[in-house]
C-alpha atoms as a PDB file:
ATOM      1  CA  MET A   1     -14.306   1.903 -17.094  1.00  0.00           C
ATOM      2  CA  SER A   2     -18.077   1.635 -17.742  1.00  0.00           C
ATOM      3  CA  LYS A   3     -20.785   3.251 -15.759  1.00  0.00           C
ATOM      4  CA  THR A   4     -22.057  -0.174 -14.682  1.00  0.00           C
ATOM      5  CA  ILE A   5     -18.731  -1.441 -13.283  1.00  0.00           C
ATOM      6  CA  ARG A   6     -18.233   1.917 -11.656  1.00  0.00           C
ATOM      7  CA  ASP A   7     -21.591   1.472  -9.845  1.00  0.00           C
ATOM      8  CA  GLU A   8     -20.824  -2.021  -8.863  1.00  0.00           C
ATOM      9  CA  ILE A   9     -17.490  -0.949  -7.332  1.00  0.00           C
ATOM     10  CA  LYS A  10     -19.257   1.690  -5.473  1.00  0.00           C
ATOM     11  CA  LYS A  11     -21.819  -0.690  -4.020  1.00  0.00           C
ATOM     12  CA  GLY A  12     -19.117  -3.143  -2.955  1.00  0.00           C
ATOM     13  CA  ARG A  13     -17.067  -0.358  -1.386  1.00  0.00           C
ATOM     14  CA  LYS A  14     -20.246   0.613   0.644  1.00  0.00           C
ATOM     15  CA  MET A  15     -20.404  -2.905   1.964  1.00  0.00           C
ATOM     16  CA  ILE A  16     -16.708  -2.521   2.974  1.00  0.00           C
ATOM     17  CA  GLN A  17     -17.586   0.780   4.873  1.00  0.00           C
ATOM     18  CA  ASN A  18     -20.274  -0.825   6.551  1.00  0.00           C
ATOM     19  CA  GLY A  19     -18.124  -3.556   7.991  1.00  0.00           C
ATOM     20  CA  ASP A  20     -19.495  -6.482   5.806  1.00  0.00           C
ATOM     21  CA  GLY A  21     -16.301  -8.020   5.230  1.00  0.00           C
ATOM     22  CA  GLU A  22     -17.654 -11.575   4.339  1.00  0.00           C
ATOM     23  CA  GLY A  23     -20.488 -10.009   2.043  1.00  0.00           C
ATOM     24  CA  SER A  24     -18.008  -7.698   0.260  1.00  0.00           C
ATOM     25  CA  THR A  25     -15.579 -10.616  -0.450  1.00  0.00           C
ATOM     26  CA  ARG A  26     -18.431 -12.767  -1.945  1.00  0.00           C
ATOM     27  CA  PHE A  27     -19.426  -9.635  -3.840  1.00  0.00           C
ATOM     28  CA  PHE A  28     -16.126  -8.898  -5.250  1.00  0.00           C
ATOM     29  CA  LYS A  29     -15.295 -12.395  -6.013  1.00  0.00           C
ATOM     30  CA  ASN A  30     -18.278 -12.581  -8.312  1.00  0.00           C
ATOM     31  CA  LEU A  31     -17.268  -9.339  -9.828  1.00  0.00           C
ATOM     32  CA  VAL A  32     -13.896 -10.604 -10.647  1.00  0.00           C
ATOM     33  CA  ASN A  33     -15.402 -13.610 -12.162  1.00  0.00           C
ATOM     34  CA  LYS A  34     -17.713 -11.423 -14.337  1.00  0.00           C
ATOM     35  CA  HIS A  35     -14.969  -8.740 -15.102  1.00  0.00           C
ATOM     36  CA  PRO A  36     -11.533 -10.417 -14.881  1.00  0.00           C
ATOM     37  CA  ASP A  37      -9.852  -7.678 -16.594  1.00  0.00           C
ATOM     38  CA  SER A  38     -10.814  -5.020 -14.415  1.00  0.00           C
ATOM     39  CA  ALA A  39      -8.025  -3.642 -12.457  1.00  0.00           C
ATOM     40  CA  GLU A  40     -10.033  -1.714 -10.163  1.00  0.00           C
ATOM     41  CA  ILE A  41     -12.254  -4.646  -9.337  1.00  0.00           C
ATOM     42  CA  ASN A  42      -9.202  -6.881  -8.593  1.00  0.00           C
ATOM     43  CA  LEU A  43      -7.721  -4.147  -6.412  1.00  0.00           C
ATOM     44  CA  PHE A  44     -10.957  -4.021  -4.261  1.00  0.00           C
ATOM     45  CA  ALA A  45     -11.218  -7.887  -4.466  1.00  0.00           C
ATOM     46  CA  GLY A  46      -7.701  -7.988  -2.831  1.00  0.00           C
ATOM     47  CA  MET A  47      -8.636  -5.369  -0.223  1.00  0.00           C
ATOM     48  CA  THR A  48     -11.756  -7.363   0.906  1.00  0.00           C
ATOM     49  CA  ASN A  49      -9.469 -10.520   1.429  1.00  0.00           C
ATOM     50  CA  ASP A  50      -6.723  -8.426   3.037  1.00  0.00           C
ATOM     51  CA  ASN A  51      -9.189  -6.965   5.581  1.00  0.00           C
ATOM     52  CA  LEU A  52     -10.392 -10.412   6.524  1.00  0.00           C
ATOM     53  CA  GLY A  53      -6.786 -11.479   7.077  1.00  0.00           C
ATOM     54  CA  GLN A  54      -6.598 -13.554   4.042  1.00  0.00           C
ATOM     55  CA  GLU A  55      -3.272 -12.164   2.461  1.00  0.00           C
ATOM     56  CA  LYS A  56      -2.608 -15.296   0.603  1.00  0.00           C
ATOM     57  CA  LYS A  57      -5.771 -14.687  -1.463  1.00  0.00           C
ATOM     58  CA  ALA A  58      -5.270 -11.095  -1.627  1.00  0.00           C
ATOM     59  CA  ILE A  59      -1.627 -11.138  -3.184  1.00  0.00           C
ATOM     60  CA  PRO A  60      -2.597 -12.462  -6.573  1.00  0.00           C
ATOM     61  CA  LEU A  61      -5.367  -9.972  -6.865  1.00  0.00           C
ATOM     62  CA  TYR A  62      -3.232  -7.060  -6.219  1.00  0.00           C
ATOM     63  CA  GLU A  63      -0.599  -8.335  -8.641  1.00  0.00           C
ATOM     64  CA  LYS A  64      -3.334  -8.770 -11.424  1.00  0.00           C
ATOM     65  CA  ALA A  65      -4.663  -5.093 -10.633  1.00  0.00           C
ATOM     66  CA  ILE A  66      -1.181  -3.671 -11.156  1.00  0.00           C
ATOM     67  CA  ASP A  67      -0.514  -5.814 -14.170  1.00  0.00           C
ATOM     68  CA  LEU A  68      -3.728  -4.558 -15.883  1.00  0.00           C
ATOM     69  CA  GLY A  69      -2.898  -1.120 -14.976  1.00  0.00           C
ATOM     70  CA  LEU A  70      -4.673   1.142 -12.454  1.00  0.00           C
ATOM     71  CA  ASN A  71      -5.254   4.591 -13.719  1.00  0.00           C
ATOM     72  CA  ASP A  72      -6.011   6.318 -10.524  1.00  0.00           C
ATOM     73  CA  LYS A  73      -2.652   7.224  -8.595  1.00  0.00           C
ATOM     74  CA  LYS A  74      -4.154   6.925  -5.235  1.00  0.00           C
ATOM     75  CA  GLU A  75      -5.521   3.216  -5.982  1.00  0.00           C
ATOM     76  CA  LEU A  76      -1.905   2.557  -7.427  1.00  0.00           C
ATOM     77  CA  ARG A  77      -0.469   3.564  -4.223  1.00  0.00           C
ATOM     78  CA  ASP A  78      -2.758   1.805  -2.003  1.00  0.00           C
ATOM     79  CA  CYS A  79      -2.490  -1.470  -4.283  1.00  0.00           C
ATOM     80  CA  LEU A  80       1.433  -1.288  -3.961  1.00  0.00           C
ATOM     81  CA  VAL A  81       1.431  -0.596  -0.320  1.00  0.00           C
ATOM     82  CA  SER A  82      -1.235  -3.243   0.401  1.00  0.00           C
ATOM     83  CA  LEU A  83       0.782  -6.001  -1.661  1.00  0.00           C
ATOM     84  CA  ALA A  84       3.877  -4.929   0.222  1.00  0.00           C
ATOM     85  CA  SER A  85       2.031  -5.163   3.411  1.00  0.00           C
ATOM     86  CA  SER A  86       0.537  -8.568   2.527  1.00  0.00           C
ATOM     87  CA  TYR A  87       3.965  -9.975   1.476  1.00  0.00           C
ATOM     88  CA  LEU A  88       5.227  -8.623   4.942  1.00  0.00           C
ATOM     89  CA  ILE A  89       2.506 -10.505   6.879  1.00  0.00           C
ATOM     90  CA  GLU A  90       3.211 -13.640   5.014  1.00  0.00           C
ATOM     91  CA  GLY A  91       6.852 -13.279   5.962  1.00  0.00           C
ATOM     92  CA  ASP A  92       7.997 -12.883   2.226  1.00  0.00           C
ATOM     93  CA  HIS A  93      10.052  -9.980   3.045  1.00  0.00           C
ATOM     94  CA  GLU A  94      12.244  -9.803  -0.496  1.00  0.00           C
ATOM     95  CA  ASN A  95       8.668  -9.520  -2.303  1.00  0.00           C
ATOM     96  CA  SER A  96       7.465  -6.788   0.046  1.00  0.00           C
ATOM     97  CA  LEU A  97      10.649  -5.082  -0.566  1.00  0.00           C
ATOM     98  CA  LYS A  98      10.342  -5.258  -4.313  1.00  0.00           C
ATOM     99  CA  ALA A  99       6.719  -4.045  -4.176  1.00  0.00           C
ATOM    100  CA  ILE A 100       7.430  -1.227  -1.688  1.00  0.00           C
ATOM    101  CA  GLU A 101      10.351  -0.084  -3.675  1.00  0.00           C
ATOM    102  CA  LYS A 102       8.194   0.311  -6.822  1.00  0.00           C
ATOM    103  CA  ALA A 103       5.821   2.284  -4.747  1.00  0.00           C
ATOM    104  CA  LYS A 104       8.833   4.516  -3.456  1.00  0.00           C
ATOM    105  CA  ALA A 105       9.935   5.038  -7.080  1.00  0.00           C
ATOM    106  CA  LYS A 106       6.465   6.257  -8.135  1.00  0.00           C
ATOM    107  CA  PHE A 107       5.670   8.058  -4.973  1.00  0.00           C
ATOM    108  CA  PRO A 108       8.936   9.254  -3.501  1.00  0.00           C
ATOM    109  CA  ASN A 109       7.460  11.777  -1.019  1.00  0.00           C
ATOM    110  CA  ASP A 110       4.639   9.684   0.174  1.00  0.00           C
ATOM    111  CA  PRO A 111       4.651   9.041   3.965  1.00  0.00           C
ATOM    112  CA  VAL A 112       2.509   5.882   3.847  1.00  0.00           C
ATOM    113  CA  VAL A 113       5.075   4.429   1.417  1.00  0.00           C
ATOM    114  CA  SER A 114       7.859   5.580   3.452  1.00  0.00           C
ATOM    115  CA  SER A 115       6.589   4.129   6.826  1.00  0.00           C
ATOM    116  CA  PHE A 116       5.954   0.724   4.952  1.00  0.00           C
ATOM    117  CA  LEU A 117       9.307   0.742   3.427  1.00  0.00           C
ATOM    118  CA  ALA A 118      10.999   1.365   6.922  1.00  0.00           C
ATOM    119  CA  LEU A 119       8.875  -1.504   8.306  1.00  0.00           C
ATOM    120  CA  THR A 120      10.188  -3.877   5.564  1.00  0.00           C
ATOM    121  CA  LEU A 121      13.589  -2.577   6.025  1.00  0.00           C
ATOM    122  CA  CYS A 122      13.354  -3.413   9.576  1.00  0.00           C
ATOM    123  CA  GLU A 123      12.253  -7.000   8.736  1.00  0.00           C
ATOM    124  CA  LEU A 124      15.261  -7.175   6.678  1.00  0.00           C
ATOM    125  CA  ASN A 125      17.560  -6.229   9.633  1.00  0.00           C
ATOM    126  CA  GLN A 126      18.368  -2.913   7.819  1.00  0.00           C
ATOM    127  CA  ALA A 127      17.459  -0.702  10.861  1.00  0.00           C
ATOM    128  CA  GLU A 128      19.559   2.193   9.984  1.00  0.00           C
ATOM    129  CA  LYS A 129      18.031   2.576   6.557  1.00  0.00           C
ATOM    130  CA  ALA A 130      14.637   2.235   8.201  1.00  0.00           C
ATOM    131  CA  VAL A 131      15.370   5.130  10.792  1.00  0.00           C
ATOM    132  CA  LYS A 132      16.726   7.372   7.786  1.00  0.00           C
ATOM    133  CA  GLU A 133      13.495   6.725   5.906  1.00  0.00           C
ATOM    134  CA  LEU A 134      11.173   7.424   8.736  1.00  0.00           C
ATOM    135  CA  GLY A 135      13.304  10.429   9.994  1.00  0.00           C
ATOM    136  CA  ILE A 136      13.227  12.237   6.521  1.00  0.00           C
ATOM    137  CA  ALA A 137       9.476  11.481   6.228  1.00  0.00           C
ATOM    138  CA  LEU A 138       8.802  12.745   9.953  1.00  0.00           C
ATOM    139  CA  LEU A 139      10.647  15.968   9.064  1.00  0.00           C
ATOM    140  CA  LYS A 140       8.747  16.513   5.678  1.00  0.00           C
ATOM    141  CA  GLU A 141       5.172  15.695   7.273  1.00  0.00           C
ATOM    142  CA  SER A 142       5.486  17.492  10.725  1.00  0.00           C
ATOM    143  CA  GLY A 143       3.938  20.705  10.981  1.00  0.00           C
ATOM    144  CA  ASN A 144       5.063  20.832  14.628  1.00  0.00           C
ATOM    145  CA  PRO A 145       6.884  24.079  15.221  1.00  0.00           C
ATOM    146  CA  ASP A 146       9.316  22.307  17.672  1.00  0.00           C
ATOM    147  CA  PHE A 147      10.841  20.514  14.776  1.00  0.00           C
ATOM    148  CA  LYS A 148      11.275  23.594  12.618  1.00  0.00           C
ATOM    149  CA  LYS A 149      13.955  24.759  15.208  1.00  0.00           C
ATOM    150  CA  PHE A 150      15.926  21.548  14.777  1.00  0.00           C
ATOM    151  CA  GLU A 151      15.092  20.708  11.168  1.00  0.00           C
ATOM    152  CA  LYS A 152      18.342  21.415   9.715  1.00  0.00           C
ATOM    153  CA  PRO A 153      20.492  19.379  11.889  1.00  0.00           C
ATOM    154  CA  LEU A 154      18.012  16.512  12.167  1.00  0.00           C
ATOM    155  CA  ARG A 155      17.698  16.496   8.207  1.00  0.00           C
ATOM    156  CA  GLU A 156      21.599  16.399   8.155  1.00  0.00           C
ATOM    157  CA  TYR A 157      21.842  13.492  10.703  1.00  0.00           C
ATOM    158  CA  PHE A 158      18.955  11.507   9.055  1.00  0.00           C
ATOM    159  CA  SER A 159      20.573  12.098   5.551  1.00  0.00           C
ATOM    160  CA  GLU A 160      24.011  11.215   6.833  1.00  0.00           C
ATOM    161  CA  LEU A 161      23.289   7.929   8.424  1.00  0.00           C
ATOM    162  CA  ASP A 162      25.643   5.274   7.446  1.00  0.00           C
ATOM    163  CA  VAL A 163      23.497   3.030   5.501  1.00  0.00           C
END
């Protein structure tokens, strides 16, 4: 990615951080028109639409960013999770599941991915799988000493849920 594009992305991200949703959406829309083959620009254009509740506009931008190839792992994770979340909000639970399962395959220990997978599973009436996913994530992430006392039985229970 060129320094110019990187600088443009920084400028747009600053607009997002400053709460200028409308301005950042226009800004990234123009950037997408100038640089349609930039995965990062498509990602941030999607995020600006998403932040404004315009998931239908965000979805194709996320998909294009993924297809073009995001090199930064955090950006790829964020893109897949955002895509799954947008599908979930739009009521497209099957595509949400596809996106979040792709994220889970690439980031198997990520608690954000696990949380969105659980939400999607709940929407698909797979509550036991959702509880298992969240329970295992909770045990991995919790630094709470009280969990340590019960970690072994909890891990066994969560792992043995009949799913």
